[in-house]
């Protein structure tokens, strides 16, 4: 398998995230709209048959905080694929990071899924699609989505992925304050804040909201009058895109509230948090407005600021990695 082709691994943003329950094994049940972005890591992968499996990884770019060796999800993904396929191989991976680490944008999960897709192509679909999805889920709850990254409703612990099409292109300003947040830490804080035996949601569940309704709300300039469904009380777009994890994430990372206020000051239609944070996003009307907001924002030197656009389907991103300001 040649390393000449770069494999793009796009980030994602969560447009609304509800924690609706917990399984007996401790995994959380979620409802969220996942949408890929034109911000992407890139991977170059070489694989050739060998008597025993070995996986090497070189990381470049925005690599602070990226674990090396077998602790890296990319290496674990390669080993999991080769073990399941029964194809020992020598694999060399070069990972060029553009997606902030520990930011709630799914960078590590996307990288792992991209390795699965690349090796599946190299070994002529050696693993059936359902088995590949099962491997992805064992690696992480977000990984199955990135096997075919396009706008989707994601439910369960991440294993139920239902594509939404068509989906409008959205211009977002991402701001990631320090420090990075570990997903497990945020969920522990969320659980600790709940009344025992309850899931005291501040926002209504997304279940039952037709995908077309959210799409219409996103496309509408009248966001404050977007309804969930016929006969439902009016509900604003900000409520649809709210994230149950933001209150606890903001206690772990106080910069979240500061960034929220600045994005609101800059005139974002909606401000919300992606994933388990700490990345906040502001929805703006068009790329020019988004770029202007990024340039004029009063952000701290340690904030990572990126102007991005959502993708309707997987694309070859080439050298595109979002327009950025601040520390890279």
Protein backbone atom coordinates (compact mmCIF):
# COMPACT_ATOMS: atom_id res chain seq x y z
CA UNK A 1 0.00 0.00 0.00
CA UNK A 2 1.53 3.30 -1.08
CA UNK A 3 1.91 6.23 1.29
CA UNK A 4 1.58 8.79 -1.52
CA UNK A 5 -2.12 9.40 -0.92
CA UNK A 6 -3.08 11.44 2.15
CA UNK A 7 -6.24 10.23 3.88
CA UNK A 8 -8.27 13.12 5.33
CA UNK A 9 -9.74 12.58 8.79
CA UNK A 10 -12.34 15.32 9.35
CA UNK A 11 -13.35 16.80 12.67
CA UNK A 12 -17.01 16.81 13.71
CA UNK A 13 -19.24 19.19 15.59
CA UNK A 14 -22.19 18.18 17.75
CA UNK A 15 -25.33 20.18 16.94
CA UNK A 16 -27.19 19.45 20.15
CA UNK A 17 -26.21 16.73 22.62
CA UNK A 18 -28.48 15.08 25.17
CA UNK A 19 -27.46 12.53 27.78
CA UNK A 20 -30.58 10.36 28.04
CA UNK A 21 -29.44 7.47 30.22
CA UNK A 22 -26.68 5.15 31.36
CA UNK A 23 -26.23 1.45 30.59
CA UNK A 24 -25.44 -1.07 33.35
CA UNK A 25 -21.84 -1.17 32.09
CA UNK A 26 -21.48 2.57 32.67
CA UNK A 27 -21.65 3.73 29.04
CA UNK A 28 -23.82 6.79 28.52
CA UNK A 29 -26.73 6.86 26.08
CA UNK A 30 -26.71 9.94 23.89
CA UNK A 31 -28.73 11.70 21.23
CA UNK A 32 -26.88 14.11 18.99
CA UNK A 33 -26.55 15.44 15.47
CA UNK A 34 -22.97 14.83 14.28
CA UNK A 35 -21.76 16.93 11.35
CA UNK A 36 -18.28 16.65 9.74
CA UNK A 37 -16.18 19.75 9.18
CA UNK A 38 -13.64 20.90 6.60
CA UNK A 39 -11.07 20.92 9.40
CA UNK A 40 -9.14 17.68 9.07
CA UNK A 41 -6.10 15.72 10.16
CA UNK A 42 -4.27 13.85 7.39
CA UNK A 43 -2.73 10.40 7.48
CA UNK A 44 -0.21 8.67 5.23
CA UNK A 45 -0.30 4.92 5.66
CA UNK A 46 2.04 2.21 4.36
CA UNK A 47 1.19 -1.45 4.89
CA UNK A 48 2.86 -4.58 3.62
CA UNK A 49 2.39 -8.25 4.58
CA UNK A 50 4.76 -9.56 7.24
CA UNK A 51 5.16 -12.62 9.43
CA UNK A 52 4.24 -10.60 12.53
CA UNK A 53 2.39 -7.33 12.97
CA UNK A 54 4.24 -4.13 13.79
CA UNK A 55 2.81 -0.60 13.77
CA UNK A 56 4.88 2.58 13.88
CA UNK A 57 3.50 6.10 14.23
CA UNK A 58 4.99 9.52 13.48
CA UNK A 59 2.99 12.58 14.56
CA UNK A 60 3.43 16.12 13.22
CA UNK A 61 1.45 19.35 13.33
CA UNK A 62 -0.65 20.29 16.37
CA UNK A 63 0.69 17.32 18.28
CA UNK A 64 0.84 18.50 21.91
CA UNK A 65 -0.95 15.99 24.10
CA UNK A 66 -1.06 13.26 21.46
CA UNK A 67 -0.02 9.94 23.04
CA UNK A 68 2.55 7.80 21.29
CA UNK A 69 2.96 4.09 20.72
CA UNK A 70 0.27 1.60 21.65
CA UNK A 71 -1.54 4.22 23.75
CA UNK A 72 -2.51 6.05 20.57
CA UNK A 73 -5.93 5.16 19.17
CA UNK A 74 -4.48 5.12 15.65
CA UNK A 75 -2.06 2.33 16.57
CA UNK A 76 -4.78 0.42 18.41
CA UNK A 77 -7.06 0.72 15.37
CA UNK A 78 -4.40 -0.69 13.04
CA UNK A 79 -3.70 -3.61 15.36
CA UNK A 80 -7.41 -4.32 15.87
CA UNK A 81 -8.02 -4.41 12.12
CA UNK A 82 -5.08 -6.68 11.33
CA UNK A 83 -5.98 -9.06 14.18
CA UNK A 84 -9.60 -9.29 13.02
CA UNK A 85 -8.58 -9.77 9.38
CA UNK A 86 -5.94 -12.35 10.23
CA UNK A 87 -3.46 -10.39 8.10
CA UNK A 88 -0.18 -9.71 9.92
CA UNK A 89 1.53 -6.70 8.40
CA UNK A 90 4.16 -4.05 8.91
CA UNK A 91 2.33 -0.71 9.08
CA UNK A 92 3.89 2.75 9.11
CA UNK A 93 1.61 5.72 9.78
CA UNK A 94 2.37 9.43 9.56
CA UNK A 95 -0.29 11.56 11.24
CA UNK A 96 -0.43 15.29 10.57
CA UNK A 97 -2.61 16.89 13.26
CA UNK A 98 -4.76 19.95 12.56
CA UNK A 99 -7.67 19.15 14.90
CA UNK A 100 -7.10 20.33 18.49
CA UNK A 101 -6.57 17.49 20.98
CA UNK A 102 -9.03 16.91 23.82
CA UNK A 103 -11.37 19.48 22.30
CA UNK A 104 -14.69 17.68 21.73
CA UNK A 105 -14.17 17.61 17.95
CA UNK A 106 -13.53 13.88 17.56
CA UNK A 107 -10.01 14.13 16.19
CA UNK A 108 -8.68 10.91 17.71
CA UNK A 109 -11.81 8.98 16.77
CA UNK A 110 -11.66 10.28 13.20
CA UNK A 111 -7.99 9.31 12.91
CA UNK A 112 -8.78 5.78 14.15
CA UNK A 113 -11.69 5.35 11.74
CA UNK A 114 -9.55 6.62 8.87
CA UNK A 115 -6.95 3.95 9.63
CA UNK A 116 -9.69 1.31 9.56
CA UNK A 117 -10.94 2.59 6.19
CA UNK A 118 -7.45 2.80 4.72
CA UNK A 119 -6.47 -0.71 5.79
CA UNK A 120 -9.82 -2.05 4.62
CA UNK A 121 -9.06 -0.61 1.19
CA UNK A 122 -5.50 -1.95 1.25
CA UNK A 123 -6.62 -5.46 2.11
CA UNK A 124 -9.53 -5.56 -0.35
CA UNK A 125 -12.39 -5.36 2.14
CA UNK A 126 -11.06 -8.21 4.25
CA UNK A 127 -13.62 -7.46 6.98
CA UNK A 128 -17.39 -7.28 6.47
CA UNK A 129 -18.99 -3.90 7.10
CA UNK A 130 -20.82 -4.93 10.27
CA UNK A 131 -17.61 -6.38 11.75
CA UNK A 132 -15.73 -3.20 10.86
CA UNK A 133 -18.40 -1.16 12.66
CA UNK A 134 -18.09 -3.44 15.70
CA UNK A 135 -14.32 -2.92 15.77
CA UNK A 136 -14.88 0.83 15.50
CA UNK A 137 -17.30 0.82 18.45
CA UNK A 138 -14.86 -1.09 20.63
CA UNK A 139 -12.26 1.59 19.93
CA UNK A 140 -14.57 4.43 20.97
CA UNK A 141 -18.17 5.64 20.89
CA UNK A 142 -17.51 8.28 18.18
CA UNK A 143 -15.49 6.02 15.88
CA UNK A 144 -18.41 4.35 14.00
CA UNK A 145 -19.66 7.74 12.77
CA UNK A 146 -16.30 8.46 11.15
CA UNK A 147 -16.37 5.28 9.05
CA UNK A 148 -18.68 7.25 6.73
CA UNK A 149 -18.56 10.84 7.98
CA UNK A 150 -21.63 12.72 6.83
CA UNK A 151 -24.36 14.59 8.78
CA UNK A 152 -26.19 12.05 10.94
CA UNK A 153 -28.34 11.40 13.98
CA UNK A 154 -26.23 9.41 16.41
CA UNK A 155 -27.90 7.56 19.28
CA UNK A 156 -27.21 4.77 21.77
CA UNK A 157 -23.57 4.90 22.83
CA UNK A 158 -22.65 5.89 19.28
CA UNK A 159 -23.51 2.69 17.43
CA UNK A 160 -26.75 3.91 15.81
CA UNK A 161 -25.91 6.29 12.97
CA UNK A 162 -28.65 7.56 10.64
CA UNK A 163 -27.60 9.87 7.81
CA UNK A 164 -29.39 13.19 7.31
CA UNK A 165 -29.54 14.43 3.73
CA UNK A 166 -29.60 17.01 2.36
CA UNK A 167 -27.92 19.14 5.01
CA UNK A 168 -27.18 22.88 4.72
CA UNK A 169 -23.60 24.15 4.68
CA UNK A 170 -22.98 26.04 7.92
CA UNK A 171 -20.22 28.53 8.69
CA UNK A 172 -18.89 28.17 12.22
CA UNK A 173 -16.23 29.84 14.31
CA UNK A 174 -14.62 27.29 16.62
CA UNK A 175 -12.83 28.50 19.73
CA UNK A 176 -11.00 26.00 21.94
CA UNK A 177 -9.87 27.40 25.29
CA UNK A 178 -7.29 25.74 27.51
CA UNK A 179 -7.04 23.27 29.14
CA UNK A 180 -8.08 20.24 27.08
CA UNK A 181 -10.80 18.10 28.66
CA UNK A 182 -10.85 14.32 28.90
CA UNK A 183 -14.22 12.90 27.90
CA UNK A 184 -14.30 10.50 30.86
CA UNK A 185 -13.65 13.34 33.29
CA UNK A 186 -16.54 15.40 31.90
CA UNK A 187 -18.97 12.48 32.09
CA UNK A 188 -17.93 11.73 35.67
CA UNK A 189 -18.64 15.34 36.59
CA UNK A 190 -21.99 15.14 34.79
CA UNK A 191 -22.98 12.01 36.70
CA UNK A 192 -21.89 13.50 40.02
CA UNK A 193 -24.13 16.52 39.40
CA UNK A 194 -27.27 14.41 38.89
CA UNK A 195 -29.80 13.51 41.53
CA UNK A 196 -29.34 9.78 42.27
CA UNK A 197 -31.46 7.68 39.94
CA UNK A 198 -32.38 10.55 37.63
CA UNK A 199 -31.23 12.18 34.42
CA UNK A 200 -32.26 15.69 35.27
CA UNK A 201 -31.98 17.14 31.75
CA UNK A 202 -32.19 20.86 31.38
CA UNK A 203 -33.16 20.46 27.74
CA UNK A 204 -35.78 18.19 26.16
CA UNK A 205 -34.51 15.06 24.42
CA UNK A 206 -33.89 15.20 20.69
CA UNK A 207 -35.74 11.91 20.19
CA UNK A 208 -38.68 12.42 17.86
CA UNK A 209 -37.35 15.62 16.29
CA UNK A 210 -37.43 14.99 12.52
CA UNK A 211 -34.11 15.63 10.82
CA UNK A 212 -35.89 17.86 8.32
CA UNK A 213 -37.06 20.12 11.17
CA UNK A 214 -33.54 20.74 12.44
CA UNK A 215 -32.35 21.29 8.87
CA UNK A 216 -35.13 23.83 8.32
CA UNK A 217 -34.29 25.56 11.59
CA UNK A 218 -30.62 25.80 10.67
CA UNK A 219 -31.40 27.17 7.23
CA UNK A 220 -33.92 29.70 8.56
CA UNK A 221 -33.01 33.27 9.46
CA UNK A 222 -35.89 33.16 11.95
CA UNK A 223 -34.05 30.87 14.34
CA UNK A 224 -35.95 32.09 17.40
CA UNK A 225 -39.20 30.78 15.93
CA UNK A 226 -38.08 27.29 14.95
CA UNK A 227 -40.55 24.64 16.17
CA UNK A 228 -39.71 21.04 16.99
CA UNK A 229 -42.72 19.48 15.25
CA UNK A 230 -46.33 20.20 14.39
CA UNK A 231 -48.26 20.92 17.57
CA UNK A 232 -45.11 21.39 19.68
CA UNK A 233 -44.35 24.56 21.62
CA UNK A 234 -42.03 26.91 19.72
CA UNK A 235 -38.40 26.22 20.49
CA UNK A 236 -35.43 28.32 19.47
CA UNK A 237 -32.45 27.04 17.57
CA UNK A 238 -30.25 27.71 20.60
CA UNK A 239 -32.32 25.22 22.58
CA UNK A 240 -32.14 22.61 19.82
CA UNK A 241 -28.34 22.93 19.69
CA UNK A 242 -27.76 22.99 23.45
CA UNK A 243 -25.35 20.52 25.02
CA UNK A 244 -26.17 18.80 28.33
CA UNK A 245 -22.45 18.59 29.15
CA UNK A 246 -21.69 22.31 28.89
CA UNK A 247 -22.52 23.27 32.52
CA UNK A 248 -20.16 20.69 34.02
CA UNK A 249 -17.49 21.24 31.36
CA UNK A 250 -17.56 24.96 32.16
CA UNK A 251 -16.78 24.19 35.79
CA UNK A 252 -13.75 22.16 34.70
CA UNK A 253 -12.68 24.76 32.12
CA UNK A 254 -13.76 28.31 33.10
CA UNK A 255 -12.63 29.60 29.71
CA UNK A 256 -15.78 28.09 28.21
CA UNK A 257 -17.99 30.81 29.71
CA UNK A 258 -15.55 33.53 28.63
CA UNK A 259 -15.55 32.23 25.05
CA UNK A 260 -19.35 31.91 25.03
CA UNK A 261 -19.72 35.57 26.00
CA UNK A 262 -17.25 36.71 23.35
CA UNK A 263 -18.94 34.74 20.57
CA UNK A 264 -22.27 36.23 21.62
CA UNK A 265 -20.72 39.71 21.58
CA UNK A 266 -19.44 39.05 18.05
CA UNK A 267 -23.01 38.43 16.90
CA UNK A 268 -23.19 34.65 16.46
CA UNK A 269 -26.73 33.43 15.75
CA UNK A 270 -26.19 30.57 18.19
CA UNK A 271 -23.36 29.61 20.55
CA UNK A 272 -22.98 26.05 21.86
CA UNK A 273 -20.38 23.51 22.94
CA UNK A 274 -19.24 20.54 20.85
CA UNK A 275 -18.94 17.08 22.38
CA UNK A 276 -17.44 17.01 25.85
CA UNK A 277 -15.73 20.35 25.24
CA UNK A 278 -14.06 22.63 25.70
CA UNK A 279 -14.54 23.80 22.07
CA UNK A 280 -17.34 26.33 21.66
CA UNK A 281 -18.80 27.19 18.27
CA UNK A 282 -20.61 30.24 16.99
CA UNK A 283 -22.94 29.96 13.99
CA UNK A 284 -22.57 32.90 11.61
CA UNK A 285 -24.23 33.88 8.33
CA UNK A 286 -21.57 33.18 5.74
CA UNK A 287 -17.83 32.63 5.58
CA UNK A 288 -16.99 36.35 5.38
CA UNK A 289 -18.84 37.11 8.62
CA UNK A 290 -17.20 34.10 10.28
CA UNK A 291 -13.72 35.15 9.17
CA UNK A 292 -14.30 38.72 10.34
CA UNK A 293 -15.47 37.51 13.75
CA UNK A 294 -12.37 35.35 14.10
CA UNK A 295 -10.09 38.26 13.26
CA UNK A 296 -11.87 40.76 15.52
CA UNK A 297 -12.53 38.50 18.49
CA UNK A 298 -10.97 39.33 21.85
CA UNK A 299 -9.59 35.89 22.53
CA UNK A 300 -6.69 34.82 24.70
CA UNK A 301 -3.33 33.84 23.23
CA UNK A 302 -3.85 30.23 24.28
CA UNK A 303 -7.24 29.94 22.55
CA UNK A 304 -7.32 27.98 19.28
CA UNK A 305 -9.60 29.88 16.87
CA UNK A 306 -10.72 28.32 13.58
CA UNK A 307 -13.20 29.35 10.90
CA UNK A 308 -14.73 26.20 9.41
CA UNK A 309 -17.61 24.99 7.27
CA UNK A 310 -19.68 21.85 7.63
CA UNK A 311 -19.52 19.09 5.02
CA UNK A 312 -22.53 17.36 3.52
CA UNK A 313 -20.55 14.27 2.54
CA UNK A 314 -17.01 12.90 2.79
CA UNK A 315 -14.69 14.90 0.56
CA UNK A 316 -11.05 14.95 -0.43
CA UNK A 317 -10.00 17.93 1.67
CA UNK A 318 -6.56 18.35 0.13
CA UNK A 319 -4.58 20.92 2.11
CA UNK A 320 -7.71 22.55 3.58
CA UNK A 321 -7.56 22.69 7.39
CA UNK A 322 -9.68 25.73 8.23
CA UNK A 323 -8.64 29.37 8.59
CA UNK A 324 -7.02 29.87 11.97
CA UNK A 325 -5.95 32.55 14.42
CA UNK A 326 -4.13 32.36 17.73
CA UNK A 327 -1.73 29.69 18.89
CA UNK A 328 -1.48 26.70 16.56
